[in-house]
Structures are given as C-alpha cells and as structure tokens.
Amino acid sequence: MQWPCNDASPDGMPIMHINGFTRGDGKFVITEYIPTDEKTGPRFPLLLTTGRILSQYNVGAQSRRTENSRWHPEDVLEIHPHDAEDRGVRDGGWVKVRSRAGETTLHAKITDRVAPGVVYTTFHHPTTQANVITTDNSDWATNCPEYKVTACRCRSPTVRANGKSNIANCRSRAAASRQPSMRRNEHRVGRVHDGSRLPRAPRRMAVRLPR
C-alpha cells in the first residue's frame, strides 16, 4: 500500500514504478570534475571529513531526545595511531582541531579505521561544533556544503574551550581580575596610616571576548 492513505484514497495512491521505470534505466549526464580549492599543507597537514552515524540523524534535534543517545552520546574525532602518536594525542583524551575556518575541541578515538593523514568526526551534537571548522565551500551545481574536505591540524590541548564556553572562560578571567585572591596579591601590599598591611587594589585587565 502506497502512502498517502486518506479519505480521497483509502487504499493508498498509485505506485509510480512497478515493473519498470517510466523513463527507462534513467538519464545520466556527464559533468566536468572540478577539484576542491581546499588543500593540505605544512600549516594544516591533515584532512578532516565529517559524516553521520546510524543511531543519530543530522544534528540530532530529534534523535538525541531518544534512547539512541546511549549508543552515540557524543561526537569524537577518529584519528590514526601514527597521527595520534606524532601529536601526543591519547585515546579518550581531548584533542583540539583547527582549520582555516575555526577550531573546536572533542575527545579522540585512536583507530586504524581511518587512513593516515585523515581524521573523521560526526556532527550530531551541538557542543562538538564540528561545522565550526568546516569551510564555506560548496558544490557548484547543487550548492551542497563541502563537509567532506577540510584541511586541519590537531594537537592535544591543555584546556578545553569550545564556542560559548570559550567566552565564559574569558569572562571568568575578567571576573577573577576584578576579584583577585589574597594569594595572587601577596607580593602587592600597601600600608595604611596605622602601619597595617593591606592588599592594593588590583589593576583592571582588559579581556577581548571573541565575537
């Protein structure tokens, strides 16, 4: 029974293709191959490609609300053992990925499922921000975004900071500068008229927040 089934068509709609296709085996059109402008090099030696996983759908707006998240609780970066060793990346540790478009941080998964020189991640969880590091390039015919080809570099970070959390970190540092701890100001002390020692007021520190 072919969908849709409604009052006008209680037995469903007619099936378009039953014993064959209406226009034969299809129409094939030869198109010119145009290589991507995205290239690897000394600054960005790795090639990032993104994709989907069976248990989640696209950005997960619907599928992340289900029990499917037990199978795929987060996006990880798959990296070859040789590339991980060269960059000090540990399995399960944080890895910072930077491209010409931006950067993000996610957990690493060391595996030989990807080839040397290639890293892979999914984009089902917003906190991963995988699409922050992909380019603005698109296919000339369909305008499909070029999510499969992004030159990047990877390293093991000391602190994780993604998007909004990076802004929060900057604001936290700014707040800390306005309310310093006594330990930070032990070397900056002054005297009042009775001879007691008090911390001097901290100097204000300007912090530029990322846009």
Protein backbone atom coordinates (compact mmCIF):
# COMPACT_ATOMS: atom_id res chain seq x y z
CA MET A 1 0.00 0.00 0.00
CA GLN A 2 1.47 3.28 -1.14
CA TRP A 3 1.35 6.35 1.14
CA PRO A 4 -0.55 8.62 1.50
CA CYS A 5 -3.79 6.98 2.57
CA ASN A 6 -6.62 9.45 3.18
CA ASP A 7 -10.35 9.88 2.64
CA ALA A 8 -9.80 10.54 -1.05
CA SER A 9 -7.54 7.50 -1.46
CA PRO A 10 -8.38 4.97 1.28
CA ASP A 11 -6.38 2.24 -0.48
CA GLY A 12 -3.37 4.44 -0.98
CA MET A 13 -2.00 6.20 -4.02
CA PRO A 14 -0.96 4.50 -7.26
CA ILE A 15 2.63 3.29 -7.35
CA MET A 16 4.69 5.06 -9.98
CA HIS A 17 7.27 2.35 -10.66
CA ILE A 18 6.10 -1.30 -10.58
CA ASN A 19 7.51 -3.35 -13.46
CA GLY A 20 9.97 -0.76 -14.66
CA PHE A 21 11.00 2.88 -14.58
CA THR A 22 8.88 5.33 -16.53
CA ARG A 23 11.86 6.71 -18.45
CA GLY A 24 13.89 3.54 -18.82
CA ASP A 25 17.02 2.98 -16.77
CA GLY A 26 17.37 6.67 -16.02
CA LYS A 27 19.11 9.66 -17.50
CA PHE A 28 22.82 10.10 -16.94
CA VAL A 29 24.58 13.40 -17.51
CA ILE A 30 28.35 13.78 -17.73
CA THR A 31 29.63 16.65 -15.62
CA GLU A 32 33.09 18.14 -15.51
CA TYR A 33 35.20 17.27 -12.49
CA ILE A 34 36.21 20.38 -10.59
CA PRO A 35 38.73 19.77 -7.77
CA THR A 36 38.30 21.46 -4.42
CA ASP A 37 40.16 24.62 -3.50
CA GLU A 38 40.81 23.19 -0.04
CA LYS A 39 44.37 21.89 0.15
CA THR A 40 46.51 20.40 2.88
CA GLY A 41 49.93 21.87 3.60
CA PRO A 42 52.51 22.50 6.32
CA ARG A 43 50.08 24.51 8.47
CA PHE A 44 47.14 22.16 8.00
CA PRO A 45 48.56 18.74 7.12
CA LEU A 46 45.50 16.61 7.94
CA LEU A 47 42.27 16.17 6.03
CA LEU A 48 39.05 16.26 8.05
CA THR A 49 35.94 14.56 6.77
CA THR A 50 32.59 14.53 8.57
CA GLY A 51 29.65 12.17 8.37
CA ARG A 52 26.70 10.57 10.11
CA ILE A 53 26.23 7.53 12.31
CA LEU A 54 23.33 5.09 12.19
CA SER A 55 21.84 5.87 15.60
CA GLN A 56 21.59 9.65 15.09
CA TYR A 57 20.10 11.85 12.37
CA ASN A 58 21.79 15.02 11.15
CA VAL A 59 22.26 17.47 14.05
CA GLY A 60 20.25 15.21 16.35
CA ALA A 61 17.45 17.68 17.09
CA GLN A 62 15.03 14.75 17.17
CA SER A 63 17.15 11.63 17.61
CA ARG A 64 19.07 12.98 20.62
CA ARG A 65 15.79 13.04 22.54
CA THR A 66 15.52 9.26 22.29
CA GLU A 67 17.37 6.37 23.84
CA ASN A 68 19.63 6.35 20.77
CA SER A 69 21.96 8.67 22.65
CA ARG A 70 23.09 5.65 24.66
CA TRP A 71 24.76 4.35 21.52
CA HIS A 72 26.22 7.68 20.49
CA PRO A 73 26.46 10.03 23.49
CA GLU A 74 28.99 12.39 21.90
CA ASP A 75 30.89 13.13 18.73
CA VAL A 76 34.52 12.00 18.80
CA LEU A 77 37.46 12.56 16.48
CA GLU A 78 38.75 9.37 14.90
CA ILE A 79 42.48 9.60 14.25
CA HIS A 80 45.04 7.08 13.03
CA PRO A 81 47.54 5.76 15.61
CA HIS A 82 50.52 7.19 13.70
CA ASP A 83 48.99 10.68 13.54
CA ALA A 84 47.99 10.49 17.20
CA GLU A 85 51.47 9.48 18.30
CA ASP A 86 53.11 12.29 16.32
CA ARG A 87 50.84 14.84 18.01
CA GLY A 88 50.75 13.50 21.54
CA VAL A 89 47.05 12.64 21.32
CA ARG A 90 45.81 10.00 23.76
CA ASP A 91 42.86 7.71 23.22
CA GLY A 92 39.89 9.24 25.06
CA GLY A 93 41.78 12.48 25.71
CA TRP A 94 40.90 15.93 24.43
CA VAL A 95 42.14 16.91 21.00
CA LYS A 96 41.94 20.42 19.53
CA VAL A 97 41.16 20.59 15.82
CA ARG A 98 41.89 23.81 13.96
CA SER A 99 41.23 24.69 10.33
CA ARG A 100 41.29 27.86 8.26
CA ALA A 101 37.68 28.45 9.33
CA GLY A 102 37.88 27.92 13.10
CA GLU A 103 38.63 25.46 15.86
CA THR A 104 36.89 23.09 18.24
CA THR A 105 37.80 20.51 20.87
CA LEU A 106 36.48 16.99 21.28
CA HIS A 107 37.52 13.58 22.57
CA ALA A 108 39.87 11.49 20.47
CA LYS A 109 39.34 7.92 19.35
CA ILE A 110 42.51 6.29 18.08
CA THR A 111 41.67 3.77 15.37
CA ASP A 112 43.05 2.38 12.15
CA ARG A 113 39.60 2.68 10.58
CA VAL A 114 40.79 5.98 9.13
CA ALA A 115 43.83 6.28 6.91
CA PRO A 116 46.97 8.16 7.99
CA GLY A 117 46.55 11.85 7.22
CA VAL A 118 42.75 11.68 7.57
CA VAL A 119 40.61 12.44 10.64
CA TYR A 120 36.87 11.88 10.92
CA THR A 121 34.03 13.04 13.14
CA THR A 122 30.25 13.19 13.19
CA PHE A 123 28.16 16.33 13.73
CA HIS A 124 25.16 15.14 15.74
CA HIS A 125 25.89 17.04 18.97
CA PRO A 126 25.93 20.87 19.02
CA THR A 127 28.56 21.04 21.76
CA THR A 128 31.06 19.43 19.42
CA GLN A 129 30.65 22.29 16.94
CA ALA A 130 32.04 20.22 14.10
CA ASN A 131 30.63 22.58 11.49
CA VAL A 132 32.52 25.49 13.03
CA ILE A 133 35.72 24.18 11.45
CA THR A 134 34.34 23.23 8.03
CA THR A 135 34.78 25.64 5.14
CA ASP A 136 32.21 27.74 3.30
CA ASN A 137 32.93 25.94 0.02
CA SER A 138 30.02 24.30 -1.75
CA ASP A 139 29.28 22.29 -4.87
CA TRP A 140 28.92 24.44 -7.98
CA ALA A 141 25.84 22.57 -9.25
CA THR A 142 23.81 21.74 -6.14
CA ASN A 143 25.34 24.18 -3.62
CA CYS A 144 25.83 21.25 -1.25
CA PRO A 145 28.29 22.26 1.52
CA GLU A 146 31.75 20.73 1.28
CA TYR A 147 31.73 18.97 4.64
CA LYS A 148 33.92 16.11 3.44
CA VAL A 149 37.10 18.05 2.69
CA THR A 150 38.63 20.36 5.31
CA ALA A 151 42.36 20.81 5.83
CA CYS A 152 43.16 20.92 9.53
CA ARG A 153 45.73 20.32 12.24
CA CYS A 154 45.32 18.54 15.56
CA ARG A 155 47.05 18.74 18.91
CA SER A 156 46.47 17.77 22.50
CA PRO A 157 45.19 20.88 24.33
CA THR A 158 45.83 21.85 27.94
CA VAL A 159 42.34 23.30 28.42
CA ARG A 160 39.17 22.58 26.52
CA ALA A 161 37.32 25.66 25.25
CA ASN A 162 34.56 25.43 22.65
CA GLY A 163 32.49 28.33 21.41
CA LYS A 164 30.35 29.71 24.24
CA SER A 165 32.50 28.04 26.84
CA ASN A 166 35.46 29.98 25.48
CA ILE A 167 33.56 33.22 26.03
CA ALA A 168 32.66 32.03 29.51
CA ASN A 169 36.33 31.36 30.20
CA CYS A 170 37.24 34.90 29.15
CA ARG A 171 34.52 36.35 31.35
CA SER A 172 35.71 34.20 34.24
CA ARG A 173 39.24 35.51 33.81
CA ALA A 174 37.92 39.06 33.70
CA ALA A 175 35.93 38.50 36.88
CA ALA A 176 38.95 36.94 38.54
CA SER A 177 40.99 40.01 37.67
CA ARG A 178 38.43 42.23 39.40
CA GLN A 179 38.30 39.99 42.49
CA PRO A 180 41.78 38.55 42.93
CA SER A 181 42.62 36.10 45.67
CA MET A 182 44.87 37.09 48.52
CA ARG A 183 47.48 34.63 47.30
CA ARG A 184 47.74 36.38 43.95
CA ASN A 185 48.35 39.72 45.70
CA GLU A 186 50.71 38.70 48.47
CA HIS A 187 53.54 40.49 46.68
CA ARG A 188 51.46 43.66 46.13
CA VAL A 189 50.78 45.16 49.54
CA GLY A 190 50.46 48.67 50.93
CA ARG A 191 50.38 50.35 54.31
CA VAL A 192 47.69 52.44 55.89
CA HIS A 193 48.23 55.16 58.46
CA ASP A 194 48.31 52.72 61.38
CA GLY A 195 51.07 50.66 59.79
CA SER A 196 48.95 47.61 58.94
CA ARG A 197 49.46 45.90 55.60
CA LEU A 198 46.58 45.60 53.16
CA PRO A 199 46.42 44.33 49.59
CA ARG A 200 46.45 47.04 46.97
CA ALA A 201 43.54 47.33 44.62
CA PRO A 202 44.18 45.21 41.54
CA ARG A 203 44.72 46.84 38.20
CA ARG A 204 41.93 46.32 35.70
CA MET A 205 42.67 43.94 32.91
CA ALA A 206 41.06 44.29 29.52
CA VAL A 207 39.90 40.98 28.03
CA ARG A 208 38.79 40.85 24.43
CA LEU A 209 35.86 38.48 24.04
CA PRO A 210 35.56 36.52 20.80
CA ARG A 211 32.72 37.58 18.56
